PDB file of N, CA and C in Angstrom:
ATOM      1  N   MET A   1       0.848  -1.171   0.000  1.00  0.00           N
ATOM      2  CA  MET A   1       0.000   0.000   0.000  1.00  0.00           C
ATOM      3  C   MET A   1       0.899   1.240   0.000  1.00  0.00           C
ATOM      4  N   ILE A   2       0.635   2.100  -0.919  1.00  0.00           N
ATOM      5  CA  ILE A   2       1.449   3.302  -1.093  1.00  0.00           C
ATOM      6  C   ILE A   2       1.436   4.168   0.160  1.00  0.00           C
ATOM      7  N   ALA A   3       0.285   4.290   0.789  1.00  0.00           N
ATOM      8  CA  ALA A   3       0.183   5.144   1.979  1.00  0.00           C
ATOM      9  C   ALA A   3       1.114   4.668   3.086  1.00  0.00           C
ATOM     10  N   ARG A   4       1.238   3.348   3.277  1.00  0.00           N
ATOM     11  CA  ARG A   4       2.133   2.820   4.310  1.00  0.00           C
ATOM     12  C   ARG A   4       3.598   3.122   3.963  1.00  0.00           C
ATOM     13  N   ARG A   5       3.942   3.010   2.687  1.00  0.00           N
ATOM     14  CA  ARG A   5       5.311   3.346   2.278  1.00  0.00           C
ATOM     15  C   ARG A   5       5.585   4.827   2.514  1.00  0.00           C
ATOM     16  N   ASN A   6       4.579   5.656   2.284  1.00  0.00           N
ATOM     17  CA  ASN A   6       4.740   7.091   2.519  1.00  0.00           C
ATOM     18  C   ASN A   6       4.951   7.392   4.002  1.00  0.00           C
ATOM     19  N   VAL A   7       4.300   6.629   4.876  1.00  0.00           N
ATOM     20  CA  VAL A   7       4.513   6.801   6.323  1.00  0.00           C
ATOM     21  C   VAL A   7       5.962   6.485   6.658  1.00  0.00           C
ATOM     22  N   ARG A   8       6.460   5.365   6.166  1.00  0.00           N
ATOM     23  CA  ARG A   8       7.842   4.973   6.445  1.00  0.00           C
ATOM     24  C   ARG A   8       8.823   6.018   5.913  1.00  0.00           C
ATOM     25  N   SER A   9       8.553   6.502   4.728  1.00  0.00           N
ATOM     26  CA  SER A   9       9.430   7.509   4.129  1.00  0.00           C
ATOM     27  C   SER A   9       9.428   8.799   4.944  1.00  0.00           C
ATOM     28  N   ALA A  10       8.239   9.243   5.361  1.00  0.00           N
ATOM     29  CA  ALA A  10       8.133  10.478   6.148  1.00  0.00           C
ATOM     30  C   ALA A  10       8.802  10.321   7.506  1.00  0.00           C
ATOM     31  N   LEU A  11       8.714   9.136   8.101  1.00  0.00           N
ATOM     32  CA  LEU A  11       9.400   8.896   9.370  1.00  0.00           C
ATOM     33  C   LEU A  11      10.910   9.018   9.191  1.00  0.00           C
ATOM     34  N   GLY A  12      11.415   8.459   8.093  1.00  0.00           N
ATOM     35  CA  GLY A  12      12.844   8.526   7.825  1.00  0.00           C
ATOM     36  C   GLY A  12      13.320   9.950   7.583  1.00  0.00           C
ATOM     37  N   GLU A  13      12.473  10.744   6.959  1.00  0.00           N
ATOM     38  CA  GLU A  13      12.828  12.136   6.670  1.00  0.00           C
ATOM     39  C   GLU A  13      12.565  13.063   7.852  1.00  0.00           C
ATOM     40  N   LYS A  14      11.831  12.537   8.839  1.00  0.00           N
ATOM     41  CA  LYS A  14      11.418  13.342   9.998  1.00  0.00           C
ATOM     42  C   LYS A  14      10.626  14.577   9.545  1.00  0.00           C
ATOM     43  N   ASN A  15       9.715  14.342   8.600  1.00  0.00           N
ATOM     44  CA  ASN A  15       8.880  15.392   8.035  1.00  0.00           C
ATOM     45  C   ASN A  15       7.479  15.265   8.637  1.00  0.00           C
ATOM     46  N   ALA A  16       7.161  16.113   9.620  1.00  0.00           N
ATOM     47  CA  ALA A  16       5.910  16.005  10.371  1.00  0.00           C
ATOM     48  C   ALA A  16       4.678  16.217   9.494  1.00  0.00           C
ATOM     49  N   ALA A  17       4.724  17.183   8.592  1.00  0.00           N
ATOM     50  CA  ALA A  17       3.563  17.465   7.738  1.00  0.00           C
ATOM     51  C   ALA A  17       3.287  16.301   6.791  1.00  0.00           C
ATOM     52  N   ARG A  18       4.342  15.773   6.210  1.00  0.00           N
ATOM     53  CA  ARG A  18       4.188  14.637   5.297  1.00  0.00           C
ATOM     54  C   ARG A  18       3.736  13.384   6.052  1.00  0.00           C
ATOM     55  N   LEU A  19       4.226  13.212   7.274  1.00  0.00           N
ATOM     56  CA  LEU A  19       3.830  12.073   8.104  1.00  0.00           C
ATOM     57  C   LEU A  19       2.347  12.137   8.438  1.00  0.00           C
ATOM     58  N   ALA A  20       1.860  13.317   8.808  1.00  0.00           N
ATOM     59  CA  ALA A  20       0.441  13.478   9.126  1.00  0.00           C
ATOM     60  C   ALA A  20      -0.428  13.165   7.913  1.00  0.00           C
ATOM     61  N   ALA A  21      -0.020  13.638   6.745  1.00  0.00           N
ATOM     62  CA  ALA A  21      -0.784  13.380   5.522  1.00  0.00           C
ATOM     63  C   ALA A  21      -0.778  11.889   5.181  1.00  0.00           C
ATOM     64  N   ALA A  22       0.367  11.238   5.340  1.00  0.00           N
ATOM     65  CA  ALA A  22       0.465   9.812   5.043  1.00  0.00           C
ATOM     66  C   ALA A  22      -0.373   8.986   6.007  1.00  0.00           C
ATOM     67  N   ARG A  23      -0.342   9.350   7.273  1.00  0.00           N
ATOM     68  CA  ARG A  23      -1.159   8.619   8.256  1.00  0.00           C
ATOM     69  C   ARG A  23      -2.646   8.829   8.000  1.00  0.00           C
ATOM     70  N   ALA A  24      -3.024  10.008   7.564  1.00  0.00           N
ATOM     71  CA  ALA A  24      -4.424  10.258   7.210  1.00  0.00           C
ATOM     72  C   ALA A  24      -4.833   9.391   6.023  1.00  0.00           C
ATOM     73  N   ALA A  25      -3.934   9.225   5.062  1.00  0.00           N
ATOM     74  CA  ALA A  25      -4.222   8.376   3.911  1.00  0.00           C
ATOM     75  C   ALA A  25      -4.371   6.915   4.326  1.00  0.00           C
ATOM     76  N   VAL A  26      -3.539   6.464   5.244  1.00  0.00           N
ATOM     77  CA  VAL A  26      -3.659   5.094   5.761  1.00  0.00           C
ATOM     78  C   VAL A  26      -5.007   4.925   6.464  1.00  0.00           C
ATOM     79  N   ASP A  27      -5.382   5.893   7.277  1.00  0.00           N
ATOM     80  CA  ASP A  27      -6.651   5.823   7.993  1.00  0.00           C
ATOM     81  C   ASP A  27      -7.828   5.769   7.018  1.00  0.00           C
ATOM     82  N   THR A  28      -7.780   6.584   5.979  1.00  0.00           N
ATOM     83  CA  THR A  28      -8.845   6.580   4.967  1.00  0.00           C
ATOM     84  C   THR A  28      -8.946   5.217   4.293  1.00  0.00           C
ATOM     85  N   ALA A  29      -7.806   4.628   3.953  1.00  0.00           N
ATOM     86  CA  ALA A  29      -7.801   3.318   3.311  1.00  0.00           C
ATOM     87  C   ALA A  29      -8.355   2.250   4.241  1.00  0.00           C
ATOM     88  N   LYS A  30      -7.967   2.297   5.513  1.00  0.00           N
ATOM     89  CA  LYS A  30      -8.453   1.290   6.461  1.00  0.00           C
ATOM     90  C   LYS A  30      -9.955   1.410   6.683  1.00  0.00           C
ATOM     91  N   HIS A  31     -10.473   2.623   6.695  1.00  0.00           N
ATOM     92  CA  HIS A  31     -11.923   2.799   6.793  1.00  0.00           C
ATOM     93  C   HIS A  31     -12.608   2.222   5.559  1.00  0.00           C
ATOM     94  N   ALA A  32     -12.053   2.479   4.383  1.00  0.00           N
ATOM     95  CA  ALA A  32     -12.636   1.982   3.143  1.00  0.00           C
ATOM     96  C   ALA A  32     -12.637   0.454   3.093  1.00  0.00           C
ATOM     97  N   LEU A  33     -11.623  -0.170   3.695  1.00  0.00           N
ATOM     98  CA  LEU A  33     -11.527  -1.625   3.712  1.00  0.00           C
ATOM     99  C   LEU A  33     -12.355  -2.264   4.834  1.00  0.00           C
ATOM    100  N   GLY A  34     -12.923  -1.437   5.700  1.00  0.00           N
ATOM    101  CA  GLY A  34     -13.716  -1.968   6.804  1.00  0.00           C
ATOM    102  C   GLY A  34     -12.900  -2.371   8.007  1.00  0.00           C
ATOM    103  N   GLU A  35     -11.623  -2.003   8.043  1.00  0.00           N
ATOM    104  CA  GLU A  35     -10.766  -2.353   9.171  1.00  0.00           C
ATOM    105  C   GLU A  35     -10.959  -1.405  10.342  1.00  0.00           C
ATOM    106  N   ARG A  36     -11.498  -0.248  10.086  1.00  0.00           N
ATOM    107  CA  ARG A  36     -11.774   0.735  11.133  1.00  0.00           C
ATOM    108  C   ARG A  36     -13.172   1.268  10.937  1.00  0.00           C
ATOM    109  N   GLY A  37     -13.700   1.839  11.995  1.00  0.00           N
ATOM    110  CA  GLY A  37     -15.043   2.400  11.907  1.00  0.00           C
ATOM    111  C   GLY A  37     -16.077   1.415  12.418  1.00  0.00           C
ATOM    112  N   LEU A  38     -17.298   1.690  12.091  1.00  0.00           N
ATOM    113  CA  LEU A  38     -18.394   0.841  12.540  1.00  0.00           C
ATOM    114  C   LEU A  38     -18.350  -0.510  11.835  1.00  0.00           C
ATOM    115  N   PRO A  39     -18.770  -1.580  12.504  1.00  0.00           N
ATOM    116  CA  PRO A  39     -18.813  -2.887  11.854  1.00  0.00           C
ATOM    117  C   PRO A  39     -19.736  -2.852  10.638  1.00  0.00           C
ATOM    118  N   TRP A  40     -19.338  -3.532   9.585  1.00  0.00           N
ATOM    119  CA  TRP A  40     -20.154  -3.555   8.377  1.00  0.00           C
ATOM    120  C   TRP A  40     -21.183  -4.673   8.421  1.00  0.00           C
ATOM    121  N   TRP A  41     -21.052  -5.607   9.356  1.00  0.00           N
ATOM    122  CA  TRP A  41     -22.006  -6.698   9.449  1.00  0.00           C
ATOM    123  C   TRP A  41     -23.086  -6.331  10.461  1.00  0.00           C
ATOM    124  N   THR A  42     -24.255  -6.862  10.260  1.00  0.00           N
ATOM    125  CA  THR A  42     -25.380  -6.544  11.149  1.00  0.00           C
ATOM    126  C   THR A  42     -26.196  -7.789  11.462  1.00  0.00           C
ATOM    127  N   ASP A  43     -25.537  -8.930  11.662  1.00  0.00           N
ATOM    128  CA  ASP A  43     -26.289 -10.152  11.926  1.00  0.00           C
ATOM    129  C   ASP A  43     -26.770 -10.252  13.370  1.00  0.00           C
ATOM    130  N   GLY A  44     -26.287  -9.380  14.249  1.00  0.00           N
ATOM    131  CA  GLY A  44     -26.735  -9.368  15.631  1.00  0.00           C
ATOM    132  C   GLY A  44     -26.107 -10.437  16.507  1.00  0.00           C
ATOM    133  N   ALA A  45     -25.253 -11.278  15.940  1.00  0.00           N
ATOM    134  CA  ALA A  45     -24.624 -12.343  16.710  1.00  0.00           C
ATOM    135  C   ALA A  45     -23.517 -11.763  17.598  1.00  0.00           C
ATOM    136  N   LYS A  46     -23.323 -12.410  18.748  1.00  0.00           N
ATOM    137  CA  LYS A  46     -22.262 -11.996  19.662  1.00  0.00           C
ATOM    138  C   LYS A  46     -20.904 -12.229  18.995  1.00  0.00           C
ATOM    139  N   ASP A  47     -19.996 -11.310  19.212  1.00  0.00           N
ATOM    140  CA  ASP A  47     -18.658 -11.406  18.650  1.00  0.00           C
ATOM    141  C   ASP A  47     -17.757 -12.165  19.625  1.00  0.00           C
ATOM    142  N   PHE A  48     -17.183 -13.273  19.176  1.00  0.00           N
ATOM    143  CA  PHE A  48     -16.313 -14.083  20.029  1.00  0.00           C
ATOM    144  C   PHE A  48     -14.842 -13.838  19.745  1.00  0.00           C
ATOM    145  N   ASN A  49     -14.545 -12.728  19.109  1.00  0.00           N
ATOM    146  CA  ASN A  49     -13.159 -12.360  18.878  1.00  0.00           C
ATOM    147  C   ASN A  49     -12.478 -12.161  20.229  1.00  0.00           C
ATOM    148  N   ARG A  50     -11.222 -12.582  20.324  1.00  0.00           N
ATOM    149  CA  ARG A  50     -10.419 -12.458  21.538  1.00  0.00           C
ATOM    150  C   ARG A  50     -10.957 -13.312  22.691  1.00  0.00           C
ATOM    151  N   HIS A  51     -11.618 -14.401  22.372  1.00  0.00           N
ATOM    152  CA  HIS A  51     -12.065 -15.380  23.358  1.00  0.00           C
ATOM    153  C   HIS A  51     -11.352 -16.702  23.070  1.00  0.00           C
ATOM    154  N   LEU A  52     -11.048 -17.449  24.096  1.00  0.00           N
ATOM    155  CA  LEU A  52     -10.540 -18.799  23.880  1.00  0.00           C
ATOM    156  C   LEU A  52     -11.653 -19.631  23.265  1.00  0.00           C
ATOM    157  N   VAL A  53     -11.313 -20.454  22.292  1.00  0.00           N
ATOM    158  CA  VAL A  53     -12.336 -21.231  21.602  1.00  0.00           C
ATOM    159  C   VAL A  53     -13.087 -22.139  22.588  1.00  0.00           C
ATOM    160  N   LYS A  54     -12.408 -22.587  23.635  1.00  0.00           N
ATOM    161  CA  LYS A  54     -13.077 -23.468  24.606  1.00  0.00           C
ATOM    162  C   LYS A  54     -14.184 -22.749  25.371  1.00  0.00           C
ATOM    163  N   ASN A  55     -14.182 -21.432  25.337  1.00  0.00           N
ATOM    164  CA  ASN A  55     -15.203 -20.651  26.032  1.00  0.00           C
ATOM    165  C   ASN A  55     -16.258 -20.087  25.083  1.00  0.00           C
ATOM    166  N   THR A  56     -16.375 -20.689  23.912  1.00  0.00           N
ATOM    167  CA  THR A  56     -17.348 -20.223  22.923  1.00  0.00           C
ATOM    168  C   THR A  56     -18.254 -21.371  22.507  1.00  0.00           C
ATOM    169  N   PRO A  57     -19.298 -21.077  21.779  1.00  0.00           N
ATOM    170  CA  PRO A  57     -20.160 -22.139  21.260  1.00  0.00           C
ATOM    171  C   PRO A  57     -19.469 -23.041  20.237  1.00  0.00           C
ATOM    172  N   TYR A  58     -18.270 -22.681  19.808  1.00  0.00           N
ATOM    173  CA  TYR A  58     -17.542 -23.452  18.807  1.00  0.00           C
ATOM    174  C   TYR A  58     -16.608 -24.479  19.424  1.00  0.00           C
ATOM    175  N   ALA A  59     -16.605 -24.629  20.728  1.00  0.00           N
ATOM    176  CA  ALA A  59     -15.665 -25.522  21.421  1.00  0.00           C
ATOM    177  C   ALA A  59     -15.772 -26.960  20.932  1.00  0.00           C
ATOM    178  N   GLU A  60     -16.981 -27.496  20.848  1.00  0.00           N
ATOM    179  CA  GLU A  60     -17.158 -28.890  20.428  1.00  0.00           C
ATOM    180  C   GLU A  60     -16.690 -29.082  18.985  1.00  0.00           C
ATOM    181  N   TRP A  61     -17.018 -28.152  18.125  1.00  0.00           N
ATOM    182  CA  TRP A  61     -16.577 -28.221  16.728  1.00  0.00           C
ATOM    183  C   TRP A  61     -15.055 -28.226  16.653  1.00  0.00           C
ATOM    184  N   TYR A  62     -14.419 -27.368  17.441  1.00  0.00           N
ATOM    185  CA  TYR A  62     -12.962 -27.235  17.409  1.00  0.00           C
ATOM    186  C   TYR A  62     -12.270 -28.492  17.904  1.00  0.00           C
ATOM    187  N   GLU A  63     -12.858 -29.163  18.863  1.00  0.00           N
ATOM    188  CA  GLU A  63     -12.272 -30.405  19.404  1.00  0.00           C
ATOM    189  C   GLU A  63     -12.082 -31.452  18.317  1.00  0.00           C
ATOM    190  N   HIS A  64     -12.935 -31.438  17.310  1.00  0.00           N
ATOM    191  CA  HIS A  64     -12.907 -32.471  16.276  1.00  0.00           C
ATOM    192  C   HIS A  64     -12.032 -32.093  15.074  1.00  0.00           C
ATOM    193  N   LEU A  65     -11.405 -30.939  15.105  1.00  0.00           N
ATOM    194  CA  LEU A  65     -10.518 -30.540  14.021  1.00  0.00           C
ATOM    195  C   LEU A  65      -9.144 -31.192  14.184  1.00  0.00           C
ATOM    196  N   ASP A  66      -8.514 -31.484  13.074  1.00  0.00           N
ATOM    197  CA  ASP A  66      -7.142 -31.966  13.104  1.00  0.00           C
ATOM    198  C   ASP A  66      -6.250 -30.756  12.931  1.00  0.00           C
ATOM    199  N   VAL A  67      -5.674 -30.275  14.027  1.00  0.00           N
ATOM    200  CA  VAL A  67      -4.857 -29.072  13.979  1.00  0.00           C
ATOM    201  C   VAL A  67      -3.372 -29.386  14.137  1.00  0.00           C
ATOM    202  N   SER A  68      -3.012 -30.642  13.882  1.00  0.00           N
ATOM    203  CA  SER A  68      -1.599 -31.015  14.013  1.00  0.00           C
ATOM    204  C   SER A  68      -0.776 -30.311  12.936  1.00  0.00           C
ATOM    205  N   GLN A  69       0.419 -29.942  13.318  1.00  0.00           N
ATOM    206  CA  GLN A  69       1.341 -29.274  12.393  1.00  0.00           C
ATOM    207  C   GLN A  69       2.303 -30.323  11.833  1.00  0.00           C
ATOM    208  N   ASP A  70       2.428 -30.376  10.534  1.00  0.00           N
ATOM    209  CA  ASP A  70       3.346 -31.340   9.917  1.00  0.00           C
ATOM    210  C   ASP A  70       4.707 -30.761   9.740  1.00  0.00           C
TER     211      ASP A  70
END
């Protein structure tokens, strides 16, 4: 992403104005991608992000997965 490269470049140059503009561009892109801002989904289901799977309704399903690393 060009905006992220611009942030790195502005940090290296220690250019505060350019850094602010680059960070604003990153923020705009993240909003457009749905990474920031209000959730785009509206199914009403509880969000189990940042929960251990054993403490969610998916625990039984997860027990039956083969998660071995080869």
